[in-house]
Amino acid sequence: MSTKEFTQNIANDGALRRRIFRILIGSILTLSLCYIYLIGTITFNVLARKSLENNVNEINSRVGQLELESIALANSIDITYGKEMGYVEAKGTLFANKDSNTVALR
């Protein structure tokens, strides 16, 4: 059967033409639904990413503020503050020193 005969058979057979038409319409509908789903998913993912980026920026800003507070508090600690809190200065401390061959206490 040649291509010309095949196309003439399709043109003359109304049931086959309806079947092909329904298959094409079904395919178009299915592909349209898949397209809408994919576009919706992409849109929601972009929105979620922007929201997460904003949260990360807020958290990084808060971490920076906390680091500055920590540095300020660390700089405010001195010997008088330690004595007020009840700490005493250590006297006669021993340190371990590692030489190349021995470990000695000083």
C-alpha atoms as a PDB file:
ATOM      1  CA  MET A   1       0.000   0.000   0.000  1.00  0.00           C
ATOM      2  CA  SER A   2       1.465   3.297  -1.041  1.00  0.00           C
ATOM      3  CA  THR A   3       1.271   6.535   0.870  1.00  0.00           C
ATOM      4  CA  LYS A   4      -1.228   7.942  -1.615  1.00  0.00           C
ATOM      5  CA  GLU A   5      -3.590   4.989  -1.122  1.00  0.00           C
ATOM      6  CA  PHE A   6      -3.212   5.227   2.657  1.00  0.00           C
ATOM      7  CA  THR A   7      -4.135   8.929   2.716  1.00  0.00           C
ATOM      8  CA  GLN A   8      -7.109   8.280   0.449  1.00  0.00           C
ATOM      9  CA  ASN A   9      -8.310   5.539   2.804  1.00  0.00           C
ATOM     10  CA  ILE A  10      -8.069   7.952   5.749  1.00  0.00           C
ATOM     11  CA  ALA A  11      -9.893  10.659   3.790  1.00  0.00           C
ATOM     12  CA  ASN A  12     -12.720   8.286   2.867  1.00  0.00           C
ATOM     13  CA  ASP A  13     -13.062   6.536   6.266  1.00  0.00           C
ATOM     14  CA  GLY A  14     -15.079   8.838   8.564  1.00  0.00           C
ATOM     15  CA  ALA A  15     -14.665   6.634  11.686  1.00  0.00           C
ATOM     16  CA  LEU A  16     -10.888   6.624  11.350  1.00  0.00           C
ATOM     17  CA  ARG A  17     -10.849  10.391  10.863  1.00  0.00           C
ATOM     18  CA  ARG A  18     -12.918  10.882  14.034  1.00  0.00           C
ATOM     19  CA  ARG A  19     -10.606   8.572  15.943  1.00  0.00           C
ATOM     20  CA  ILE A  20      -7.503  10.455  14.749  1.00  0.00           C
ATOM     21  CA  PHE A  21      -9.210  13.776  15.591  1.00  0.00           C
ATOM     22  CA  ARG A  22     -10.044  12.579  19.127  1.00  0.00           C
ATOM     23  CA  ILE A  23      -6.485  11.363  19.648  1.00  0.00           C
ATOM     24  CA  LEU A  24      -5.105  14.728  18.511  1.00  0.00           C
ATOM     25  CA  ILE A  25      -7.523  16.682  20.732  1.00  0.00           C
ATOM     26  CA  GLY A  26      -6.724  14.405  23.694  1.00  0.00           C
ATOM     27  CA  SER A  27      -3.004  14.888  23.104  1.00  0.00           C
ATOM     28  CA  ILE A  28      -3.402  18.661  22.906  1.00  0.00           C
ATOM     29  CA  LEU A  29      -5.411  18.714  26.158  1.00  0.00           C
ATOM     30  CA  THR A  30      -2.914  16.479  27.929  1.00  0.00           C
ATOM     31  CA  LEU A  31       0.042  18.559  26.781  1.00  0.00           C
ATOM     32  CA  SER A  32      -1.781  21.772  27.750  1.00  0.00           C
ATOM     33  CA  LEU A  33      -2.411  20.454  31.266  1.00  0.00           C
ATOM     34  CA  CYS A  34       1.244  19.409  31.578  1.00  0.00           C
ATOM     35  CA  TYR A  35       2.334  22.865  30.393  1.00  0.00           C
ATOM     36  CA  ILE A  36       0.067  24.631  32.917  1.00  0.00           C
ATOM     37  CA  TYR A  37       1.329  22.365  35.709  1.00  0.00           C
ATOM     38  CA  LEU A  38       4.981  23.014  34.828  1.00  0.00           C
ATOM     39  CA  ILE A  39       4.505  26.785  34.567  1.00  0.00           C
ATOM     40  CA  GLY A  40       2.683  26.798  37.922  1.00  0.00           C
ATOM     41  CA  THR A  41       5.409  24.733  39.559  1.00  0.00           C
ATOM     42  CA  ILE A  42       8.134  27.009  38.219  1.00  0.00           C
ATOM     43  CA  THR A  43       6.268  30.098  39.423  1.00  0.00           C
ATOM     44  CA  PHE A  44       5.762  28.729  42.936  1.00  0.00           C
ATOM     45  CA  ASN A  45       9.403  27.613  43.118  1.00  0.00           C
ATOM     46  CA  VAL A  46      10.593  31.097  42.152  1.00  0.00           C
ATOM     47  CA  LEU A  47       8.386  32.653  44.828  1.00  0.00           C
ATOM     48  CA  ALA A  48       9.599  30.168  47.430  1.00  0.00           C
ATOM     49  CA  ARG A  49      13.220  30.870  46.492  1.00  0.00           C
ATOM     50  CA  LYS A  50      12.735  34.628  46.866  1.00  0.00           C
ATOM     51  CA  SER A  51      11.127  34.094  50.255  1.00  0.00           C
ATOM     52  CA  LEU A  52      14.024  31.898  51.378  1.00  0.00           C
ATOM     53  CA  GLU A  53      16.557  34.442  50.125  1.00  0.00           C
ATOM     54  CA  ASN A  54      14.810  37.147  52.151  1.00  0.00           C
ATOM     55  CA  ASN A  55      14.906  34.910  55.242  1.00  0.00           C
ATOM     56  CA  VAL A  56      18.613  34.233  54.727  1.00  0.00           C
ATOM     57  CA  ASN A  57      19.304  37.959  54.400  1.00  0.00           C
ATOM     58  CA  GLU A  58      17.386  38.683  57.626  1.00  0.00           C
ATOM     59  CA  ILE A  59      19.222  35.916  59.476  1.00  0.00           C
ATOM     60  CA  ASN A  60      22.617  37.107  58.203  1.00  0.00           C
ATOM     61  CA  SER A  61      21.760  40.623  59.331  1.00  0.00           C
ATOM     62  CA  ARG A  62      20.785  39.358  62.789  1.00  0.00           C
ATOM     63  CA  VAL A  63      24.000  37.308  63.019  1.00  0.00           C
ATOM     64  CA  GLY A  64      26.001  40.427  62.175  1.00  0.00           C
ATOM     65  CA  GLN A  65      24.218  42.379  64.922  1.00  0.00           C
ATOM     66  CA  LEU A  66      24.872  39.607  67.432  1.00  0.00           C
ATOM     67  CA  GLU A  67      28.558  39.483  66.452  1.00  0.00           C
ATOM     68  CA  LEU A  68      28.863  43.234  67.071  1.00  0.00           C
ATOM     69  CA  GLU A  69      27.158  42.858  70.458  1.00  0.00           C
ATOM     70  CA  SER A  70      29.509  39.978  71.321  1.00  0.00           C
ATOM     71  CA  ILE A  71      32.582  42.005  70.378  1.00  0.00           C
ATOM     72  CA  ALA A  72      31.334  44.965  72.408  1.00  0.00           C
ATOM     73  CA  LEU A  73      30.728  42.752  75.442  1.00  0.00           C
ATOM     74  CA  ALA A  74      34.120  41.045  75.057  1.00  0.00           C
ATOM     75  CA  ASN A  75      35.851  44.438  74.920  1.00  0.00           C
ATOM     76  CA  SER A  76      34.084  45.559  78.103  1.00  0.00           C
ATOM     77  CA  ILE A  77      35.616  42.734  80.156  1.00  0.00           C
ATOM     78  CA  ASP A  78      38.740  43.755  82.064  1.00  0.00           C
ATOM     79  CA  ILE A  79      40.519  42.855  85.315  1.00  0.00           C
ATOM     80  CA  THR A  80      38.311  45.080  87.482  1.00  0.00           C
ATOM     81  CA  TYR A  81      35.164  43.514  86.057  1.00  0.00           C
ATOM     82  CA  GLY A  82      36.593  40.062  86.772  1.00  0.00           C
ATOM     83  CA  LYS A  83      37.374  41.002  90.372  1.00  0.00           C
ATOM     84  CA  GLU A  84      33.848  42.400  90.802  1.00  0.00           C
ATOM     85  CA  MET A  85      32.474  39.052  89.614  1.00  0.00           C
ATOM     86  CA  GLY A  86      34.583  37.189  92.223  1.00  0.00           C
ATOM     87  CA  TYR A  87      37.462  35.977  90.106  1.00  0.00           C
ATOM     88  CA  VAL A  88      41.008  36.198  91.418  1.00  0.00           C
ATOM     89  CA  GLU A  89      44.260  36.471  89.573  1.00  0.00           C
ATOM     90  CA  ALA A  90      46.073  33.143  89.276  1.00  0.00           C
ATOM     91  CA  LYS A  91      49.539  33.016  90.843  1.00  0.00           C
ATOM     92  CA  GLY A  92      52.212  30.399  90.482  1.00  0.00           C
ATOM     93  CA  THR A  93      50.737  28.765  87.420  1.00  0.00           C
ATOM     94  CA  LEU A  94      52.545  25.925  85.701  1.00  0.00           C
ATOM     95  CA  PHE A  95      52.654  25.545  81.958  1.00  0.00           C
ATOM     96  CA  ALA A  96      53.599  22.507  79.957  1.00  0.00           C
ATOM     97  CA  ASN A  97      56.254  23.218  77.352  1.00  0.00           C
ATOM     98  CA  LYS A  98      56.971  20.759  74.606  1.00  0.00           C
ATOM     99  CA  ASP A  99      60.540  20.762  73.450  1.00  0.00           C
ATOM    100  CA  SER A 100      61.779  18.656  70.594  1.00  0.00           C
ATOM    101  CA  ASN A 101      62.725  15.721  72.874  1.00  0.00           C
ATOM    102  CA  THR A 102      61.217  16.310  76.333  1.00  0.00           C
ATOM    103  CA  VAL A 103      58.221  17.778  78.097  1.00  0.00           C
ATOM    104  CA  ALA A 104      59.118  19.947  81.086  1.00  0.00           C
ATOM    105  CA  LEU A 105      57.091  21.838  83.647  1.00  0.00           C
ATOM    106  CA  ARG A 106      58.157  25.367  84.461  1.00  0.00           C
END
